[in-house]
């Protein structure tokens, strides 16, 4: 859906979600959620571009293959600040957003209590 959209409902096809902007939503919660979504997906899309697999109009299979190649490329640290192991495969959405936001700013990722 991020790259190709969804045309399964002929009356109301959905365009690619990468075209969404926070200003497309009226309420603050919607704006926050789409900004979080775009933060993660744009980071993944950058990895796809760097790997040379980006296409402006991919098929569903091409999009799946491209994003499968960068799985795990968001560089989520496996160790927390206090030396404990982080279970990367079990992180919640908000945690991943916060970690990616910190890494983007160059701020060390703080340990959760």
PDB file of N, CA and C in Angstrom:
ATOM      1  N   UNK A   1       0.825  -1.185   0.000  1.00  0.00           N
ATOM      2  CA  UNK A   1       0.000   0.000   0.000  1.00  0.00           C
ATOM      3  C   UNK A   1       0.873   1.254   0.000  1.00  0.00           C
ATOM      4  N   UNK A   2       2.040   1.176   0.611  1.00  0.00           N
ATOM      5  CA  UNK A   2       2.900   2.348   0.669  1.00  0.00           C
ATOM      6  C   UNK A   2       3.361   2.744  -0.729  1.00  0.00           C
ATOM      7  N   UNK A   3       3.732   1.766  -1.545  1.00  0.00           N
ATOM      8  CA  UNK A   3       4.244   2.057  -2.885  1.00  0.00           C
ATOM      9  C   UNK A   3       3.171   2.038  -3.965  1.00  0.00           C
ATOM     10  N   UNK A   4       2.255   1.071  -3.881  1.00  0.00           N
ATOM     11  CA  UNK A   4       1.340   0.820  -4.998  1.00  0.00           C
ATOM     12  C   UNK A   4      -0.086   1.286  -4.765  1.00  0.00           C
ATOM     13  N   UNK A   5      -0.490   1.462  -3.528  1.00  0.00           N
ATOM     14  CA  UNK A   5      -1.885   1.772  -3.269  1.00  0.00           C
ATOM     15  C   UNK A   5      -2.733   0.524  -3.304  1.00  0.00           C
ATOM     16  N   UNK A   6      -4.039   0.705  -3.415  1.00  0.00           N
ATOM     17  CA  UNK A   6      -4.961  -0.428  -3.436  1.00  0.00           C
ATOM     18  C   UNK A   6      -6.116  -0.097  -4.363  1.00  0.00           C
ATOM     19  N   UNK A   7      -6.220  -0.826  -5.452  1.00  0.00           N
ATOM     20  CA  UNK A   7      -7.292  -0.607  -6.414  1.00  0.00           C
ATOM     21  C   UNK A   7      -8.298  -1.746  -6.374  1.00  0.00           C
ATOM     22  N   UNK A   8      -8.358  -2.479  -5.260  1.00  0.00           N
ATOM     23  CA  UNK A   8      -9.250  -3.636  -5.179  1.00  0.00           C
ATOM     24  C   UNK A   8     -10.716  -3.236  -5.124  1.00  0.00           C
ATOM     25  N   UNK A   9     -11.025  -2.024  -4.698  1.00  0.00           N
ATOM     26  CA  UNK A   9     -12.393  -1.524  -4.707  1.00  0.00           C
ATOM     27  C   UNK A   9     -12.496  -0.541  -5.868  1.00  0.00           C
ATOM     28  N   UNK A  10     -13.148  -0.934  -6.979  1.00  0.00           N
ATOM     29  CA  UNK A  10     -13.154  -0.100  -8.176  1.00  0.00           C
ATOM     30  C   UNK A  10     -13.744   1.302  -7.964  1.00  0.00           C
ATOM     31  N   UNK A  11     -14.744   1.409  -7.075  1.00  0.00           N
ATOM     32  CA  UNK A  11     -15.390   2.714  -6.872  1.00  0.00           C
ATOM     33  C   UNK A  11     -14.492   3.698  -6.145  1.00  0.00           C
ATOM     34  N   UNK A  12     -13.669   3.187  -5.216  1.00  0.00           N
ATOM     35  CA  UNK A  12     -12.835   4.053  -4.384  1.00  0.00           C
ATOM     36  C   UNK A  12     -11.414   3.504  -4.274  1.00  0.00           C
ATOM     37  N   UNK A  13     -10.638   3.599  -5.340  1.00  0.00           N
ATOM     38  CA  UNK A  13      -9.251   3.122  -5.226  1.00  0.00           C
ATOM     39  C   UNK A  13      -8.456   4.021  -4.290  1.00  0.00           C
ATOM     40  N   UNK A  14      -7.515   3.418  -3.588  1.00  0.00           N
ATOM     41  CA  UNK A  14      -6.648   4.141  -2.657  1.00  0.00           C
ATOM     42  C   UNK A  14      -5.298   4.314  -3.323  1.00  0.00           C
ATOM     43  N   UNK A  15      -4.826   5.544  -3.356  1.00  0.00           N
ATOM     44  CA  UNK A  15      -3.519   5.817  -3.952  1.00  0.00           C
ATOM     45  C   UNK A  15      -2.401   5.352  -3.036  1.00  0.00           C
ATOM     46  N   UNK A  16      -1.177   5.427  -3.496  1.00  0.00           N
ATOM     47  CA  UNK A  16      -0.043   5.034  -2.655  1.00  0.00           C
ATOM     48  C   UNK A  16       0.012   5.856  -1.371  1.00  0.00           C
ATOM     49  N   UNK A  17       0.229   5.198  -0.250  1.00  0.00           N
ATOM     50  CA  UNK A  17       0.262   5.899   1.035  1.00  0.00           C
ATOM     51  C   UNK A  17       1.471   6.818   1.170  1.00  0.00           C
ATOM     52  N   UNK A  18       2.474   6.633   0.298  1.00  0.00           N
ATOM     53  CA  UNK A  18       3.638   7.518   0.368  1.00  0.00           C
ATOM     54  C   UNK A  18       3.294   8.936  -0.052  1.00  0.00           C
ATOM     55  N   UNK A  19       2.138   9.117  -0.663  1.00  0.00           N
ATOM     56  CA  UNK A  19       1.711  10.447  -1.083  1.00  0.00           C
ATOM     57  C   UNK A  19       0.992  11.207   0.030  1.00  0.00           C
ATOM     58  N   UNK A  20       0.692  10.528   1.135  1.00  0.00           N
ATOM     59  CA  UNK A  20       0.020  11.193   2.252  1.00  0.00           C
ATOM     60  C   UNK A  20       0.937  12.216   2.907  1.00  0.00           C
ATOM     61  N   UNK A  21       0.337  13.237   3.461  1.00  0.00           N
ATOM     62  CA  UNK A  21       1.043  14.237   4.252  1.00  0.00           C
ATOM     63  C   UNK A  21       0.236  14.470   5.513  1.00  0.00           C
ATOM     64  N   UNK A  22       0.894  14.933   6.553  1.00  0.00           N
ATOM     65  CA  UNK A  22       0.199  15.195   7.821  1.00  0.00           C
ATOM     66  C   UNK A  22      -0.919  16.216   7.634  1.00  0.00           C
ATOM     67  N   UNK A  23      -0.764  17.120   6.701  1.00  0.00           N
ATOM     68  CA  UNK A  23      -1.792  18.143   6.461  1.00  0.00           C
ATOM     69  C   UNK A  23      -3.062  17.566   5.843  1.00  0.00           C
ATOM     70  N   UNK A  24      -3.027  16.308   5.418  1.00  0.00           N
ATOM     71  CA  UNK A  24      -4.216  15.666   4.859  1.00  0.00           C
ATOM     72  C   UNK A  24      -5.223  15.287   5.940  1.00  0.00           C
ATOM     73  N   UNK A  25      -4.837  15.398   7.203  1.00  0.00           N
ATOM     74  CA  UNK A  25      -5.701  15.004   8.308  1.00  0.00           C
ATOM     75  C   UNK A  25      -6.118  16.228   9.110  1.00  0.00           C
ATOM     76  N   UNK A  26      -7.348  16.205   9.587  1.00  0.00           N
ATOM     77  CA  UNK A  26      -7.893  17.361  10.307  1.00  0.00           C
ATOM     78  C   UNK A  26      -7.493  17.371  11.780  1.00  0.00           C
ATOM     79  N   UNK A  27      -7.471  16.206  12.410  1.00  0.00           N
ATOM     80  CA  UNK A  27      -7.201  16.182  13.853  1.00  0.00           C
ATOM     81  C   UNK A  27      -5.718  15.921  14.143  1.00  0.00           C
ATOM     82  N   UNK A  28      -5.296  16.354  15.316  1.00  0.00           N
ATOM     83  CA  UNK A  28      -3.886  16.244  15.704  1.00  0.00           C
ATOM     84  C   UNK A  28      -3.434  14.794  15.799  1.00  0.00           C
ATOM     85  N   UNK A  29      -4.303  13.901  16.272  1.00  0.00           N
ATOM     86  CA  UNK A  29      -3.927  12.497  16.412  1.00  0.00           C
ATOM     87  C   UNK A  29      -3.647  11.875  15.040  1.00  0.00           C
ATOM     88  N   UNK A  30      -4.492  12.159  14.069  1.00  0.00           N
ATOM     89  CA  UNK A  30      -4.280  11.643  12.721  1.00  0.00           C
ATOM     90  C   UNK A  30      -2.982  12.167  12.120  1.00  0.00           C
ATOM     91  N   UNK A  31      -2.711  13.459  12.345  1.00  0.00           N
ATOM     92  CA  UNK A  31      -1.478  14.052  11.841  1.00  0.00           C
ATOM     93  C   UNK A  31      -0.255  13.393  12.468  1.00  0.00           C
ATOM     94  N   UNK A  32      -0.333  13.131  13.761  1.00  0.00           N
ATOM     95  CA  UNK A  32       0.778  12.502  14.470  1.00  0.00           C
ATOM     96  C   UNK A  32       1.012  11.089  13.955  1.00  0.00           C
ATOM     97  N   UNK A  33      -0.057  10.333  13.783  1.00  0.00           N
ATOM     98  CA  UNK A  33       0.084   8.942  13.337  1.00  0.00           C
ATOM     99  C   UNK A  33       0.658   8.856  11.925  1.00  0.00           C
ATOM    100  N   UNK A  34       0.178   9.713  11.011  1.00  0.00           N
ATOM    101  CA  UNK A  34       0.707   9.652   9.641  1.00  0.00           C
ATOM    102  C   UNK A  34       2.153  10.129   9.620  1.00  0.00           C
ATOM    103  N   UNK A  35       2.512  11.081  10.464  1.00  0.00           N
ATOM    104  CA  UNK A  35       3.906  11.524  10.538  1.00  0.00           C
ATOM    105  C   UNK A  35       4.802  10.393  11.049  1.00  0.00           C
ATOM    106  N   UNK A  36       4.323   9.641  12.040  1.00  0.00           N
ATOM    107  CA  UNK A  36       5.073   8.490  12.546  1.00  0.00           C
ATOM    108  C   UNK A  36       5.238   7.427  11.467  1.00  0.00           C
ATOM    109  N   UNK A  37       4.149   7.135  10.769  1.00  0.00           N
ATOM    110  CA  UNK A  37       4.168   6.143   9.695  1.00  0.00           C
ATOM    111  C   UNK A  37       5.164   6.553   8.609  1.00  0.00           C
ATOM    112  N   UNK A  38       5.102   7.808   8.202  1.00  0.00           N
ATOM    113  CA  UNK A  38       5.988   8.277   7.143  1.00  0.00           C
ATOM    114  C   UNK A  38       7.448   8.300   7.585  1.00  0.00           C
ATOM    115  N   UNK A  39       7.697   8.555   8.857  1.00  0.00           N
ATOM    116  CA  UNK A  39       9.068   8.532   9.368  1.00  0.00           C
ATOM    117  C   UNK A  39       9.683   7.151   9.160  1.00  0.00           C
ATOM    118  N   UNK A  40       8.950   6.120   9.558  1.00  0.00           N
ATOM    119  CA  UNK A  40       9.443   4.742   9.415  1.00  0.00           C
ATOM    120  C   UNK A  40       9.559   4.349   7.945  1.00  0.00           C
ATOM    121  N   UNK A  41       8.499   4.621   7.173  1.00  0.00           N
ATOM    122  CA  UNK A  41       8.487   4.188   5.779  1.00  0.00           C
ATOM    123  C   UNK A  41       9.497   4.962   4.924  1.00  0.00           C
ATOM    124  N   UNK A  42       9.685   6.243   5.204  1.00  0.00           N
ATOM    125  CA  UNK A  42      10.683   6.998   4.446  1.00  0.00           C
ATOM    126  C   UNK A  42      12.095   6.516   4.764  1.00  0.00           C
ATOM    127  N   UNK A  43      12.342   6.107   6.004  1.00  0.00           N
ATOM    128  CA  UNK A  43      13.636   5.529   6.352  1.00  0.00           C
ATOM    129  C   UNK A  43      13.855   4.218   5.592  1.00  0.00           C
ATOM    130  N   UNK A  44      12.814   3.398   5.519  1.00  0.00           N
ATOM    131  CA  UNK A  44      12.917   2.139   4.766  1.00  0.00           C
ATOM    132  C   UNK A  44      13.077   2.422   3.267  1.00  0.00           C
ATOM    133  N   UNK A  45      12.335   3.409   2.752  1.00  0.00           N
ATOM    134  CA  UNK A  45      12.435   3.748   1.329  1.00  0.00           C
ATOM    135  C   UNK A  45      13.831   4.264   0.985  1.00  0.00           C
ATOM    136  N   UNK A  46      14.450   4.993   1.908  1.00  0.00           N
ATOM    137  CA  UNK A  46      15.817   5.466   1.680  1.00  0.00           C
ATOM    138  C   UNK A  46      16.771   4.279   1.548  1.00  0.00           C
ATOM    139  N   UNK A  47      16.559   3.272   2.383  1.00  0.00           N
ATOM    140  CA  UNK A  47      17.392   2.062   2.296  1.00  0.00           C
ATOM    141  C   UNK A  47      17.168   1.352   0.964  1.00  0.00           C
ATOM    142  N   UNK A  48      15.926   1.330   0.491  1.00  0.00           N
ATOM    143  CA  UNK A  48      15.623   0.701  -0.802  1.00  0.00           C
ATOM    144  C   UNK A  48      16.309   1.471  -1.923  1.00  0.00           C
ATOM    145  N   UNK A  49      16.254   2.801  -1.865  1.00  0.00           N
ATOM    146  CA  UNK A  49      16.930   3.618  -2.883  1.00  0.00           C
ATOM    147  C   UNK A  49      18.441   3.372  -2.859  1.00  0.00           C
ATOM    148  N   UNK A  50      19.008   3.335  -1.653  1.00  0.00           N
ATOM    149  CA  UNK A  50      20.451   3.101  -1.519  1.00  0.00           C
ATOM    150  C   UNK A  50      20.853   1.739  -2.058  1.00  0.00           C
ATOM    151  N   UNK A  51      19.943   0.753  -1.951  1.00  0.00           N
ATOM    152  CA  UNK A  51      20.226  -0.589  -2.460  1.00  0.00           C
ATOM    153  C   UNK A  51      20.004  -0.687  -3.971  1.00  0.00           C
ATOM    154  N   UNK A  52      19.468   0.396  -4.577  1.00  0.00           N
ATOM    155  CA  UNK A  52      19.258   0.409  -6.024  1.00  0.00           C
ATOM    156  C   UNK A  52      18.032  -0.345  -6.482  1.00  0.00           C
ATOM    157  N   UNK A  53      17.062  -0.552  -5.594  1.00  0.00           N
ATOM    158  CA  UNK A  53      15.876  -1.324  -5.953  1.00  0.00           C
ATOM    159  C   UNK A  53      14.608  -0.476  -6.037  1.00  0.00           C
ATOM    160  N   UNK A  54      14.741   0.854  -5.984  1.00  0.00           N
ATOM    161  CA  UNK A  54      13.576   1.733  -5.986  1.00  0.00           C
ATOM    162  C   UNK A  54      12.988   1.863  -7.386  1.00  0.00           C
ATOM    163  N   UNK A  55      11.666   1.892  -7.459  1.00  0.00           N
ATOM    164  CA  UNK A  55      10.946   2.140  -8.701  1.00  0.00           C
ATOM    165  C   UNK A  55       9.796   3.088  -8.375  1.00  0.00           C
ATOM    166  N   UNK A  56       9.572   4.092  -9.224  1.00  0.00           N
ATOM    167  CA  UNK A  56       8.503   5.051  -8.953  1.00  0.00           C
ATOM    168  C   UNK A  56       7.116   4.445  -9.130  1.00  0.00           C
ATOM    169  N   UNK A  57       6.997   3.427  -9.965  1.00  0.00           N
ATOM    170  CA  UNK A  57       5.707   2.774 -10.175  1.00  0.00           C
ATOM    171  C   UNK A  57       5.910   1.254 -10.162  1.00  0.00           C
ATOM    172  N   UNK A  58       6.195   0.682  -8.980  1.00  0.00           N
ATOM    173  CA  UNK A  58       6.485  -0.751  -8.922  1.00  0.00           C
ATOM    174  C   UNK A  58       5.217  -1.598  -8.954  1.00  0.00           C
ATOM    175  N   UNK A  59       5.397  -2.841  -9.352  1.00  0.00           N
ATOM    176  CA  UNK A  59       4.313  -3.797  -9.186  1.00  0.00           C
ATOM    177  C   UNK A  59       4.309  -4.217  -7.719  1.00  0.00           C
ATOM    178  N   UNK A  60       3.286  -4.930  -7.311  1.00  0.00           N
ATOM    179  CA  UNK A  60       3.220  -5.378  -5.918  1.00  0.00           C
ATOM    180  C   UNK A  60       4.395  -6.294  -5.594  1.00  0.00           C
ATOM    181  N   UNK A  61       4.742  -7.177  -6.515  1.00  0.00           N
ATOM    182  CA  UNK A  61       5.862  -8.093  -6.285  1.00  0.00           C
ATOM    183  C   UNK A  61       7.180  -7.337  -6.185  1.00  0.00           C
ATOM    184  N   UNK A  62       7.387  -6.332  -7.039  1.00  0.00           N
ATOM    185  CA  UNK A  62       8.615  -5.540  -6.974  1.00  0.00           C
ATOM    186  C   UNK A  62       8.714  -4.789  -5.644  1.00  0.00           C
ATOM    187  N   UNK A  63       7.592  -4.249  -5.177  1.00  0.00           N
ATOM    188  CA  UNK A  63       7.587  -3.531  -3.892  1.00  0.00           C
ATOM    189  C   UNK A  63       7.907  -4.491  -2.750  1.00  0.00           C
ATOM    190  N   UNK A  64       7.302  -5.685  -2.762  1.00  0.00           N
ATOM    191  CA  UNK A  64       7.582  -6.675  -1.722  1.00  0.00           C
ATOM    192  C   UNK A  64       9.052  -7.081  -1.732  1.00  0.00           C
ATOM    193  N   UNK A  65       9.594  -7.337  -2.918  1.00  0.00           N
ATOM    194  CA  UNK A  65      11.001  -7.735  -3.031  1.00  0.00           C
ATOM    195  C   UNK A  65      11.934  -6.625  -2.562  1.00  0.00           C
ATOM    196  N   UNK A  66      11.626  -5.390  -2.934  1.00  0.00           N
ATOM    197  CA  UNK A  66      12.483  -4.260  -2.569  1.00  0.00           C
ATOM    198  C   UNK A  66      12.518  -4.074  -1.057  1.00  0.00           C
ATOM    199  N   UNK A  67      11.353  -4.102  -0.406  1.00  0.00           N
ATOM    200  CA  UNK A  67      11.331  -3.880   1.027  1.00  0.00           C
ATOM    201  C   UNK A  67      11.818  -5.102   1.810  1.00  0.00           C
ATOM    202  N   UNK A  68      11.737  -6.286   1.216  1.00  0.00           N
ATOM    203  CA  UNK A  68      12.284  -7.477   1.878  1.00  0.00           C
ATOM    204  C   UNK A  68      13.805  -7.411   1.943  1.00  0.00           C
ATOM    205  N   UNK A  69      14.419  -6.748   0.982  1.00  0.00           N
ATOM    206  CA  UNK A  69      15.882  -6.661   0.980  1.00  0.00           C
ATOM    207  C   UNK A  69      16.407  -5.743   2.078  1.00  0.00           C
ATOM    208  N   UNK A  70      15.589  -4.841   2.572  1.00  0.00           N
ATOM    209  CA  UNK A  70      16.048  -3.908   3.602  1.00  0.00           C
ATOM    210  C   UNK A  70      15.457  -4.218   4.968  1.00  0.00           C
ATOM    211  N   UNK A  71      14.894  -5.393   5.111  1.00  0.00           N
ATOM    212  CA  UNK A  71      14.349  -5.783   6.409  1.00  0.00           C
ATOM    213  C   UNK A  71      15.476  -5.766   7.439  1.00  0.00           C
ATOM    214  N   UNK A  72      15.259  -5.065   8.493  1.00  0.00           N
ATOM    215  CA  UNK A  72      16.277  -4.953   9.528  1.00  0.00           C
ATOM    216  C   UNK A  72      17.294  -3.855   9.269  1.00  0.00           C
ATOM    217  N   UNK A  73      17.106  -3.069   8.233  1.00  0.00           N
ATOM    218  CA  UNK A  73      18.078  -2.033   7.891  1.00  0.00           C
ATOM    219  C   UNK A  73      17.877  -0.731   8.665  1.00  0.00           C
ATOM    220  N   UNK A  74      16.879  -0.671   9.528  1.00  0.00           N
ATOM    221  CA  UNK A  74      16.632   0.550  10.280  1.00  0.00           C
ATOM    222  C   UNK A  74      17.609   0.724  11.439  1.00  0.00           C
ATOM    223  N   UNK A  75      18.486  -0.220  11.639  1.00  0.00           N
ATOM    224  CA  UNK A  75      19.553  -0.127  12.645  1.00  0.00           C
ATOM    225  C   UNK A  75      19.034   0.081  14.059  1.00  0.00           C
ATOM    226  N   UNK A  76      18.076  -0.721  14.459  1.00  0.00           N
ATOM    227  CA  UNK A  76      17.586  -0.671  15.832  1.00  0.00           C
ATOM    228  C   UNK A  76      18.644  -1.344  16.705  1.00  0.00           C
ATOM    229  N   UNK A  77      19.188  -0.636  17.684  1.00  0.00           N
ATOM    230  CA  UNK A  77      20.225  -1.241  18.532  1.00  0.00           C
ATOM    231  C   UNK A  77      19.701  -2.461  19.290  1.00  0.00           C
ATOM    232  N   UNK A  78      20.517  -3.486  19.381  1.00  0.00           N
ATOM    233  CA  UNK A  78      20.098  -4.702  20.081  1.00  0.00           C
ATOM    234  C   UNK A  78      20.410  -4.645  21.564  1.00  0.00           C
ATOM    235  N   UNK A  79      21.134  -3.611  21.978  1.00  0.00           N
ATOM    236  CA  UNK A  79      21.433  -3.457  23.397  1.00  0.00           C
ATOM    237  C   UNK A  79      20.939  -2.092  23.865  1.00  0.00           C
ATOM    238  N   UNK A  80      20.314  -2.076  25.035  1.00  0.00           N
ATOM    239  CA  UNK A  80      19.807  -0.830  25.593  1.00  0.00           C
ATOM    240  C   UNK A  80      20.922  -0.109  26.347  1.00  0.00           C
ATOM    241  N   UNK A  81      20.657   1.102  26.784  1.00  0.00           N
ATOM    242  CA  UNK A  81      21.687   1.937  27.405  1.00  0.00           C
ATOM    243  C   UNK A  81      22.281   1.314  28.667  1.00  0.00           C
ATOM    244  N   UNK A  82      21.495   0.578  29.410  1.00  0.00           N
ATOM    245  CA  UNK A  82      21.993  -0.020  30.658  1.00  0.00           C
ATOM    246  C   UNK A  82      22.566  -1.418  30.452  1.00  0.00           C
ATOM    247  N   UNK A  83      22.841  -1.789  29.201  1.00  0.00           N
ATOM    248  CA  UNK A  83      23.482  -3.062  28.929  1.00  0.00           C
ATOM    249  C   UNK A  83      22.532  -4.242  28.771  1.00  0.00           C
ATOM    250  N   UNK A  84      21.246  -4.018  28.923  1.00  0.00           N
ATOM    251  CA  UNK A  84      20.294  -5.117  28.753  1.00  0.00           C
ATOM    252  C   UNK A  84      20.037  -5.359  27.270  1.00  0.00           C
ATOM    253  N   UNK A  85      19.671  -6.598  26.932  1.00  0.00           N
ATOM    254  CA  UNK A  85      19.357  -6.938  25.546  1.00  0.00           C
ATOM    255  C   UNK A  85      17.976  -6.421  25.188  1.00  0.00           C
ATOM    256  N   UNK A  86      17.857  -5.894  23.969  1.00  0.00           N
ATOM    257  CA  UNK A  86      16.563  -5.437  23.459  1.00  0.00           C
ATOM    258  C   UNK A  86      16.029  -6.509  22.523  1.00  0.00           C
ATOM    259  N   UNK A  87      14.788  -6.924  22.726  1.00  0.00           N
ATOM    260  CA  UNK A  87      14.158  -7.920  21.856  1.00  0.00           C
ATOM    261  C   UNK A  87      13.592  -7.188  20.639  1.00  0.00           C
ATOM    262  N   UNK A  88      14.422  -7.013  19.636  1.00  0.00           N
ATOM    263  CA  UNK A  88      14.083  -6.200  18.473  1.00  0.00           C
ATOM    264  C   UNK A  88      12.841  -6.718  17.759  1.00  0.00           C
ATOM    265  N   UNK A  89      12.651  -8.020  17.714  1.00  0.00           N
ATOM    266  CA  UNK A  89      11.498  -8.582  16.999  1.00  0.00           C
ATOM    267  C   UNK A  89      10.189  -8.382  17.758  1.00  0.00           C
ATOM    268  N   UNK A  90      10.248  -7.906  18.995  1.00  0.00           N
ATOM    269  CA  UNK A  90       9.038  -7.749  19.801  1.00  0.00           C
ATOM    270  C   UNK A  90       8.760  -6.296  20.184  1.00  0.00           C
ATOM    271  N   UNK A  91       9.359  -5.359  19.476  1.00  0.00           N
ATOM    272  CA  UNK A  91       9.162  -3.952  19.803  1.00  0.00           C
ATOM    273  C   UNK A  91       7.797  -3.457  19.336  1.00  0.00           C
ATOM    274  N   UNK A  92       7.226  -2.559  20.109  1.00  0.00           N
ATOM    275  CA  UNK A  92       5.971  -1.930  19.718  1.00  0.00           C
ATOM    276  C   UNK A  92       6.213  -0.799  18.731  1.00  0.00           C
ATOM    277  N   UNK A  93       5.152  -0.393  18.066  1.00  0.00           N
ATOM    278  CA  UNK A  93       5.199   0.644  17.043  1.00  0.00           C
ATOM    279  C   UNK A  93       5.796   1.943  17.588  1.00  0.00           C
ATOM    280  N   UNK A  94       5.309   2.408  18.738  1.00  0.00           N
ATOM    281  CA  UNK A  94       5.777   3.673  19.309  1.00  0.00           C
ATOM    282  C   UNK A  94       7.264   3.595  19.668  1.00  0.00           C
ATOM    283  N   UNK A  95       7.706   2.443  20.144  1.00  0.00           N
ATOM    284  CA  UNK A  95       9.110   2.286  20.502  1.00  0.00           C
ATOM    285  C   UNK A  95       9.990   2.412  19.266  1.00  0.00           C
ATOM    286  N   UNK A  96       9.600   1.770  18.187  1.00  0.00           N
ATOM    287  CA  UNK A  96      10.375   1.845  16.947  1.00  0.00           C
ATOM    288  C   UNK A  96      10.408   3.286  16.433  1.00  0.00           C
ATOM    289  N   UNK A  97       9.275   3.970  16.475  1.00  0.00           N
ATOM    290  CA  UNK A  97       9.231   5.368  16.035  1.00  0.00           C
ATOM    291  C   UNK A  97      10.179   6.217  16.874  1.00  0.00           C
ATOM    292  N   UNK A  98      10.134   6.042  18.195  1.00  0.00           N
ATOM    293  CA  UNK A  98      11.005   6.822  19.073  1.00  0.00           C
ATOM    294  C   UNK A  98      12.482   6.531  18.819  1.00  0.00           C
ATOM    295  N   UNK A  99      12.823   5.271  18.614  1.00  0.00           N
ATOM    296  CA  UNK A  99      14.217   4.899  18.357  1.00  0.00           C
ATOM    297  C   UNK A  99      14.689   5.491  17.035  1.00  0.00           C
ATOM    298  N   UNK A 100      13.877   5.354  15.989  1.00  0.00           N
ATOM    299  CA  UNK A 100      14.262   5.888  14.680  1.00  0.00           C
ATOM    300  C   UNK A 100      14.382   7.412  14.740  1.00  0.00           C
ATOM    301  N   UNK A 101      13.481   8.060  15.465  1.00  0.00           N
ATOM    302  CA  UNK A 101      13.541   9.517  15.609  1.00  0.00           C
ATOM    303  C   UNK A 101      14.836   9.933  16.319  1.00  0.00           C
ATOM    304  N   UNK A 102      15.203   9.209  17.381  1.00  0.00           N
ATOM    305  CA  UNK A 102      16.450   9.517  18.090  1.00  0.00           C
ATOM    306  C   UNK A 102      17.665   9.288  17.193  1.00  0.00           C
ATOM    307  N   UNK A 103      17.681   8.178  16.477  1.00  0.00           N
ATOM    308  CA  UNK A 103      18.811   7.872  15.605  1.00  0.00           C
ATOM    309  C   UNK A 103      18.948   8.903  14.492  1.00  0.00           C
ATOM    310  N   UNK A 104      17.808   9.373  13.983  1.00  0.00           N
ATOM    311  CA  UNK A 104      17.821  10.376  12.918  1.00  0.00           C
ATOM    312  C   UNK A 104      18.432  11.684  13.412  1.00  0.00           C
ATOM    313  N   UNK A 105      18.150  12.023  14.674  1.00  0.00           N
ATOM    314  CA  UNK A 105      18.683  13.251  15.255  1.00  0.00           C
ATOM    315  C   UNK A 105      20.124  13.087  15.731  1.00  0.00           C
ATOM    316  N   UNK A 106      20.606  11.850  15.774  1.00  0.00           N
ATOM    317  CA  UNK A 106      21.961  11.600  16.262  1.00  0.00           C
ATOM    318  C   UNK A 106      22.039  11.551  17.783  1.00  0.00           C
ATOM    319  N   UNK A 107      20.879  11.402  18.437  1.00  0.00           N
ATOM    320  CA  UNK A 107      20.818  11.344  19.890  1.00  0.00           C
ATOM    321  C   UNK A 107      20.902   9.882  20.325  1.00  0.00           C
ATOM    322  N   UNK A 108      21.720   9.540  21.312  1.00  0.00           N
ATOM    323  CA  UNK A 108      21.770   8.154  21.781  1.00  0.00           C
ATOM    324  C   UNK A 108      20.383   7.700  22.262  1.00  0.00           C
ATOM    325  N   UNK A 109      20.058   6.456  21.995  1.00  0.00           N
ATOM    326  CA  UNK A 109      18.771   5.913  22.389  1.00  0.00           C
ATOM    327  C   UNK A 109      18.805   5.604  23.881  1.00  0.00           C
ATOM    328  N   UNK A 110      17.902   6.210  24.625  1.00  0.00           N
ATOM    329  CA  UNK A 110      17.850   6.018  26.086  1.00  0.00           C
ATOM    330  C   UNK A 110      17.233   4.680  26.422  1.00  0.00           C
ATOM    331  N   UNK A 111      17.594   4.165  27.558  1.00  0.00           N
ATOM    332  CA  UNK A 111      17.047   2.907  28.053  1.00  0.00           C
ATOM    333  C   UNK A 111      15.642   3.133  28.576  1.00  0.00           C
ATOM    334  N   UNK A 112      14.768   2.158  28.356  1.00  0.00           N
ATOM    335  CA  UNK A 112      13.438   2.217  28.933  1.00  0.00           C
ATOM    336  C   UNK A 112      13.531   1.775  30.380  1.00  0.00           C
ATOM    337  N   UNK A 113      12.677   2.294  31.211  1.00  0.00           N
ATOM    338  CA  UNK A 113      12.687   1.943  32.657  1.00  0.00           C
ATOM    339  C   UNK A 113      12.209   0.543  32.878  1.00  0.00           C
TER     340      UNK A 113
END
